[in-house]
C-alpha cells in the first residue's frame, strides 16, 4: 500500500512540475508564445502575463521594457521567466 501511494504521489508531482504553462518543460523554447509586460516591479524586474498567468520576469541581457511591450520568453529560472525583446 505504501509503495502504491508513493507511485501515485510521484506521478502527481511530476505532472504538476511539467504543466503546459511552465516553459522549462518545453523542448523548444523558440516555439513559445510571447508575453506581455504588465508593470515594472523594480528596476530590472517586471511582471508579465504569459499563458494566462502572471509571472515575475527579468532579462539576462538587461534590456529595458515598458508596460504593454510584447516580449519573448527565452527560459525560466526558478519561478521567474527570462525574457528578451520580441
C-alpha atoms as a PDB file:
ATOM      1  CA  UNK A   1       0.000   0.000   0.000  1.00  0.00           C
ATOM      2  CA  UNK A   2       2.764   2.431   0.908  1.00  0.00           C
ATOM      3  CA  UNK A   3       4.599   1.754  -2.388  1.00  0.00           C
ATOM      4  CA  UNK A   4       1.417   2.363  -4.397  1.00  0.00           C
ATOM      5  CA  UNK A   5       0.803   5.671  -2.617  1.00  0.00           C
ATOM      6  CA  UNK A   6       4.390   6.741  -3.279  1.00  0.00           C
ATOM      7  CA  UNK A   7       3.981   5.974  -7.004  1.00  0.00           C
ATOM      8  CA  UNK A   8       0.734   7.950  -7.220  1.00  0.00           C
ATOM      9  CA  UNK A   9       2.219  10.935  -5.392  1.00  0.00           C
ATOM     10  CA  UNK A  10       5.324  10.858  -7.611  1.00  0.00           C
ATOM     11  CA  UNK A  11       3.193  10.937 -10.750  1.00  0.00           C
ATOM     12  CA  UNK A  12       1.086  13.813  -9.447  1.00  0.00           C
ATOM     13  CA  UNK A  13       4.186  15.782  -8.535  1.00  0.00           C
ATOM     14  CA  UNK A  14       5.739  15.206 -11.978  1.00  0.00           C
ATOM     15  CA  UNK A  15       2.503  16.269 -13.700  1.00  0.00           C
ATOM     16  CA  UNK A  16       2.333  19.492 -11.696  1.00  0.00           C
ATOM     17  CA  UNK A  17       6.014  20.211 -12.344  1.00  0.00           C
ATOM     18  CA  UNK A  18       5.552  19.906 -16.098  1.00  0.00           C
ATOM     19  CA  UNK A  19       2.293  21.707 -16.752  1.00  0.00           C
ATOM     20  CA  UNK A  20       1.775  23.346 -20.133  1.00  0.00           C
ATOM     21  CA  UNK A  21       2.358  26.770 -18.545  1.00  0.00           C
ATOM     22  CA  UNK A  22       5.906  26.042 -17.398  1.00  0.00           C
ATOM     23  CA  UNK A  23       8.400  26.997 -20.082  1.00  0.00           C
ATOM     24  CA  UNK A  24      11.202  24.782 -18.807  1.00  0.00           C
ATOM     25  CA  UNK A  25       9.129  21.716 -19.723  1.00  0.00           C
ATOM     26  CA  UNK A  26       9.085  22.672 -23.378  1.00  0.00           C
ATOM     27  CA  UNK A  27      11.648  21.012 -25.619  1.00  0.00           C
ATOM     28  CA  UNK A  28      11.885  24.055 -27.881  1.00  0.00           C
ATOM     29  CA  UNK A  29      11.843  27.463 -26.190  1.00  0.00           C
ATOM     30  CA  UNK A  30      11.737  29.203 -29.578  1.00  0.00           C
ATOM     31  CA  UNK A  31       8.212  27.858 -30.108  1.00  0.00           C
ATOM     32  CA  UNK A  32       6.825  29.653 -27.029  1.00  0.00           C
ATOM     33  CA  UNK A  33       4.383  32.496 -27.451  1.00  0.00           C
ATOM     34  CA  UNK A  34       5.253  35.994 -26.355  1.00  0.00           C
ATOM     35  CA  UNK A  35       4.430  37.516 -23.012  1.00  0.00           C
ATOM     36  CA  UNK A  36       3.045  40.977 -22.309  1.00  0.00           C
ATOM     37  CA  UNK A  37       4.773  43.275 -19.826  1.00  0.00           C
ATOM     38  CA  UNK A  38       2.227  44.365 -17.235  1.00  0.00           C
ATOM     39  CA  UNK A  39       4.371  46.562 -14.986  1.00  0.00           C
ATOM     40  CA  UNK A  40       7.870  47.117 -13.694  1.00  0.00           C
ATOM     41  CA  UNK A  41       8.075  45.887 -10.095  1.00  0.00           C
ATOM     42  CA  UNK A  42      11.537  47.351  -9.535  1.00  0.00           C
ATOM     43  CA  UNK A  43      14.438  48.214 -11.851  1.00  0.00           C
ATOM     44  CA  UNK A  44      15.202  45.103 -13.886  1.00  0.00           C
ATOM     45  CA  UNK A  45      12.225  43.067 -12.614  1.00  0.00           C
ATOM     46  CA  UNK A  46       8.922  43.022 -14.477  1.00  0.00           C
ATOM     47  CA  UNK A  47       5.588  41.365 -14.038  1.00  0.00           C
ATOM     48  CA  UNK A  48       4.438  39.738 -17.285  1.00  0.00           C
ATOM     49  CA  UNK A  49       1.332  37.921 -18.410  1.00  0.00           C
ATOM     50  CA  UNK A  50       2.210  34.606 -20.023  1.00  0.00           C
ATOM     51  CA  UNK A  51      -0.011  31.621 -20.863  1.00  0.00           C
ATOM     52  CA  UNK A  52      -2.887  33.020 -18.815  1.00  0.00           C
ATOM     53  CA  UNK A  53      -0.809  33.557 -15.652  1.00  0.00           C
ATOM     54  CA  UNK A  54       1.215  36.379 -14.172  1.00  0.00           C
ATOM     55  CA  UNK A  55       4.955  35.786 -13.723  1.00  0.00           C
ATOM     56  CA  UNK A  56       7.923  37.754 -12.486  1.00  0.00           C
ATOM     57  CA  UNK A  57      10.493  38.118 -15.224  1.00  0.00           C
ATOM     58  CA  UNK A  58      13.874  39.600 -15.885  1.00  0.00           C
ATOM     59  CA  UNK A  59      16.151  39.999 -18.869  1.00  0.00           C
ATOM     60  CA  UNK A  60      19.554  38.292 -18.752  1.00  0.00           C
ATOM     61  CA  UNK A  61      20.686  40.907 -21.316  1.00  0.00           C
ATOM     62  CA  UNK A  62      19.442  43.700 -19.023  1.00  0.00           C
ATOM     63  CA  UNK A  63      17.094  45.023 -21.716  1.00  0.00           C
ATOM     64  CA  UNK A  64      14.617  47.770 -20.859  1.00  0.00           C
ATOM     65  CA  UNK A  65      10.887  47.152 -21.316  1.00  0.00           C
ATOM     66  CA  UNK A  66       7.784  49.261 -20.892  1.00  0.00           C
ATOM     67  CA  UNK A  67       4.228  48.465 -19.900  1.00  0.00           C
ATOM     68  CA  UNK A  68       2.411  46.823 -22.824  1.00  0.00           C
ATOM     69  CA  UNK A  69       5.566  45.610 -24.619  1.00  0.00           C
ATOM     70  CA  UNK A  70       5.397  42.158 -26.158  1.00  0.00           C
ATOM     71  CA  UNK A  71       8.463  40.155 -25.154  1.00  0.00           C
ATOM     72  CA  UNK A  72       9.819  36.713 -25.978  1.00  0.00           C
ATOM     73  CA  UNK A  73      10.144  34.123 -23.225  1.00  0.00           C
ATOM     74  CA  UNK A  74      13.614  32.614 -23.607  1.00  0.00           C
ATOM     75  CA  UNK A  75      13.725  30.473 -20.489  1.00  0.00           C
ATOM     76  CA  UNK A  76      12.880  30.078 -16.856  1.00  0.00           C
ATOM     77  CA  UNK A  77      14.980  30.260 -13.715  1.00  0.00           C
ATOM     78  CA  UNK A  78      13.199  29.045 -10.618  1.00  0.00           C
ATOM     79  CA  UNK A  79       9.826  30.775 -10.593  1.00  0.00           C
ATOM     80  CA  UNK A  80      10.918  33.684 -12.803  1.00  0.00           C
ATOM     81  CA  UNK A  81      10.805  33.863 -16.583  1.00  0.00           C
ATOM     82  CA  UNK A  82      13.752  35.028 -18.658  1.00  0.00           C
ATOM     83  CA  UNK A  83      12.628  37.480 -21.321  1.00  0.00           C
ATOM     84  CA  UNK A  84      14.110  39.325 -24.269  1.00  0.00           C
ATOM     85  CA  UNK A  85      12.894  41.694 -26.950  1.00  0.00           C
ATOM     86  CA  UNK A  86      10.491  40.018 -29.366  1.00  0.00           C
END
